[in-house]
Amino acid sequence: MPITDTSLPRVLTIAALALASITLAGCSLLPGGGGGDTSPVTTETEEGDDVFSIEVGDCLNDADADEVVSRVPIVECTEPHDSEAFDTGNVPDGEFPGEDAITEAAEQLCGPSFISFVGLDYSESLYDYSFYFPTEESWASGDRAVLCVAFADDGAQITGSLKDINS
């Protein structure tokens, strides 16, 4: 499952939610900035929690994860972490629509949700967002989920939640 973030300062490694199948090859990360390179890298990591177990409110240590991931560390939000899951939704069923269409759907979900979650638009905030979304391979296994995550623009770790941080 690829991910895109809305800024170019750092590439996040993010995971996607799925209908739960450990046979999925994983999720891939896309560099962000509101439409960065959308070609997934096919490296996988085996450390951490199953990416398909990430839920809204989970905090992740994912800055060092590979671009295609099947596992990412989920940590308590009271501990230093790289990102926080703040929303999720599904891409409509049907044939795989392509990464551009999925990225557009993820932007439509995560952009407005980021404002509600953090309290400011990402262009005014010290924080930004990215998202995990299905790869063509995970789509074939039933994955339709997009997972939005927020992170610090400067790549610094966060302690606590970004909910209503207003900065």
Protein backbone atom coordinates (compact mmCIF):
# COMPACT_ATOMS: atom_id res chain seq x y z
CA MET A 1 0.00 0.00 0.00
CA PRO A 2 1.61 3.29 -1.04
CA ILE A 3 1.66 6.45 1.00
CA THR A 4 1.90 10.04 0.01
CA ASP A 5 2.56 12.99 2.25
CA THR A 6 1.73 16.59 1.54
CA SER A 7 5.27 17.92 1.89
CA LEU A 8 8.67 16.96 0.55
CA PRO A 9 10.81 17.45 3.72
CA ARG A 10 10.73 13.79 4.55
CA VAL A 11 9.48 10.56 3.14
CA LEU A 12 7.36 8.68 5.59
CA THR A 13 7.03 5.00 5.58
CA ILE A 14 3.45 4.27 6.24
CA ALA A 15 1.27 1.25 6.23
CA ALA A 16 -2.25 0.61 5.17
CA LEU A 17 -5.23 -0.97 6.73
CA ALA A 18 -6.82 -3.91 4.98
CA LEU A 19 -9.59 -6.39 5.35
CA ALA A 20 -6.98 -8.49 7.12
CA SER A 21 -4.95 -10.93 5.19
CA ILE A 22 -1.41 -11.84 6.10
CA THR A 23 -0.91 -12.99 2.54
CA LEU A 24 -0.68 -9.40 1.33
CA ALA A 25 2.76 -8.44 0.12
CA GLY A 26 2.69 -5.20 2.06
CA CYS A 27 2.15 -1.54 1.50
CA SER A 28 4.35 0.89 -0.32
CA LEU A 29 5.30 4.44 0.53
CA LEU A 30 5.21 7.32 -1.85
CA PRO A 31 7.11 10.54 -1.30
CA GLY A 32 4.71 13.34 -0.63
CA GLY A 33 4.17 16.94 -1.30
CA GLY A 34 0.69 16.72 -2.69
CA GLY A 35 1.66 14.46 -5.53
CA GLY A 36 5.25 13.31 -5.42
CA ASP A 37 6.66 10.32 -7.27
CA THR A 38 4.05 7.59 -7.20
CA SER A 39 6.18 4.58 -8.05
CA PRO A 40 6.36 2.24 -5.04
CA VAL A 41 9.61 0.70 -3.91
CA THR A 42 9.40 -3.02 -3.24
CA THR A 43 11.60 -3.41 -0.18
CA GLU A 44 9.94 -4.84 2.92
CA THR A 45 10.66 -4.63 6.62
CA GLU A 46 9.90 -7.41 9.09
CA GLU A 47 10.15 -5.45 12.36
CA GLY A 48 7.16 -4.04 14.21
CA ASP A 49 3.44 -4.66 14.18
CA ASP A 50 1.35 -5.83 11.22
CA VAL A 51 0.49 -2.71 9.19
CA PHE A 52 -3.04 -3.96 8.81
CA SER A 53 -3.55 -3.67 12.58
CA ILE A 54 -2.97 0.12 12.70
CA GLU A 55 -6.00 2.01 13.96
CA VAL A 56 -6.93 5.68 14.25
CA GLY A 57 -5.24 7.01 17.38
CA ASP A 58 -2.20 4.72 17.09
CA CYS A 59 1.23 6.30 17.16
CA LEU A 60 3.95 4.90 14.92
CA ASN A 61 7.72 4.79 14.78
CA ASP A 62 7.90 4.55 11.03
CA ALA A 63 10.46 7.11 9.85
CA ASP A 64 13.06 4.40 9.19
CA ALA A 65 10.70 1.86 7.64
CA ASP A 66 11.19 0.80 4.04
CA GLU A 67 8.93 2.15 1.32
CA VAL A 68 7.01 -1.10 0.99
CA VAL A 69 6.13 -2.34 4.41
CA SER A 70 4.26 -5.17 6.01
CA ARG A 71 5.20 -4.26 9.58
CA VAL A 72 5.69 -0.96 11.42
CA PRO A 73 6.21 -0.30 15.15
CA ILE A 74 3.08 0.90 16.96
CA VAL A 75 3.97 2.66 20.23
CA GLU A 76 2.17 4.41 23.06
CA CYS A 77 1.55 8.06 22.14
CA THR A 78 3.09 9.08 25.45
CA GLU A 79 6.40 7.76 24.09
CA PRO A 80 8.40 9.59 21.39
CA HIS A 81 7.03 8.63 17.97
CA ASP A 82 7.23 9.65 14.32
CA SER A 83 3.56 9.86 13.30
CA GLU A 84 -0.01 9.46 14.52
CA ALA A 85 -2.94 7.85 12.66
CA PHE A 86 -5.83 10.33 12.57
CA ASP A 87 -8.39 9.10 10.03
CA THR A 88 -9.27 6.16 7.83
CA GLY A 89 -11.61 5.50 4.95
CA ASN A 90 -12.08 3.17 2.00
CA VAL A 91 -11.59 3.63 -1.72
CA PRO A 92 -14.71 2.47 -3.59
CA ASP A 93 -14.77 -1.16 -4.67
CA GLY A 94 -14.24 -2.22 -8.26
CA GLU A 95 -11.23 -2.74 -10.46
CA PHE A 96 -7.93 -1.26 -9.27
CA PRO A 97 -8.29 2.41 -10.24
CA GLY A 98 -4.55 3.14 -10.37
CA GLU A 99 -2.30 4.94 -7.95
CA ASP A 100 -3.24 8.43 -9.18
CA ALA A 101 -6.94 7.86 -8.48
CA ILE A 102 -6.22 6.31 -5.10
CA THR A 103 -3.88 9.18 -4.20
CA GLU A 104 -6.56 11.70 -5.16
CA ALA A 105 -9.14 9.88 -3.00
CA ALA A 106 -6.67 9.80 -0.09
CA GLU A 107 -5.97 13.54 -0.45
CA GLN A 108 -9.73 14.23 -0.38
CA LEU A 109 -10.02 12.25 2.86
CA CYS A 110 -6.86 13.28 4.68
CA GLY A 111 -6.63 17.00 3.83
CA PRO A 112 -9.89 18.08 5.47
CA SER A 113 -9.45 15.55 8.27
CA PHE A 114 -6.00 16.96 9.05
CA ILE A 115 -7.52 20.41 9.59
CA SER A 116 -10.12 18.96 11.97
CA PHE A 117 -7.51 16.87 13.77
CA VAL A 118 -4.66 19.36 14.21
CA GLY A 119 -6.70 22.56 14.09
CA LEU A 120 -4.88 24.24 11.18
CA ASP A 121 -4.31 23.64 7.49
CA TYR A 122 -1.01 21.85 6.89
CA SER A 123 0.33 24.93 5.04
CA GLU A 124 0.04 26.92 8.29
CA SER A 125 0.98 24.13 10.68
CA LEU A 126 4.25 22.78 12.06
CA TYR A 127 2.80 19.39 11.14
CA ASP A 128 1.90 17.68 7.92
CA TYR A 129 0.15 14.50 6.83
CA SER A 130 0.71 11.41 4.77
CA PHE A 131 -1.35 8.35 4.06
CA TYR A 132 -1.11 4.65 3.48
CA PHE A 133 -3.14 3.22 0.64
CA PRO A 134 -3.52 -0.05 -1.29
CA THR A 135 -1.03 -1.28 -3.83
CA GLU A 136 -2.34 -3.12 -6.86
CA GLU A 137 -1.27 -6.36 -5.19
CA SER A 138 -3.03 -5.65 -1.87
CA TRP A 139 -6.09 -4.42 -3.79
CA ALA A 140 -6.38 -7.87 -5.38
CA SER A 141 -6.60 -9.30 -1.85
CA GLY A 142 -9.45 -6.96 -0.85
CA ASP A 143 -7.54 -3.97 0.57
CA ARG A 144 -9.44 -0.71 0.02
CA ALA A 145 -8.32 1.22 3.12
CA VAL A 146 -6.61 4.59 3.31
CA LEU A 147 -4.98 5.53 6.62
CA CYS A 148 -4.08 9.18 7.28
CA VAL A 149 -1.13 9.98 9.55
CA ALA A 150 0.23 13.28 10.89
CA PHE A 151 3.90 14.02 11.57
CA ALA A 152 6.25 16.92 12.37
CA ASP A 153 7.39 18.86 9.29
CA ASP A 154 11.00 18.78 10.49
CA GLY A 155 10.98 15.02 11.05
CA ALA A 156 11.32 15.41 14.82
CA GLN A 157 9.69 12.83 17.04
CA ILE A 158 6.49 13.79 18.82
CA THR A 159 5.48 12.98 22.39
CA GLY A 160 1.74 13.02 23.00
CA SER A 161 -1.12 13.41 20.56
CA LEU A 162 -1.37 16.04 17.84
CA LYS A 163 -5.16 16.23 18.33
CA ASP A 164 -6.14 19.92 18.56
CA ILE A 165 -2.50 21.01 18.84
CA ASN A 166 -3.27 24.17 16.78
CA SER A 167 0.31 24.71 15.67
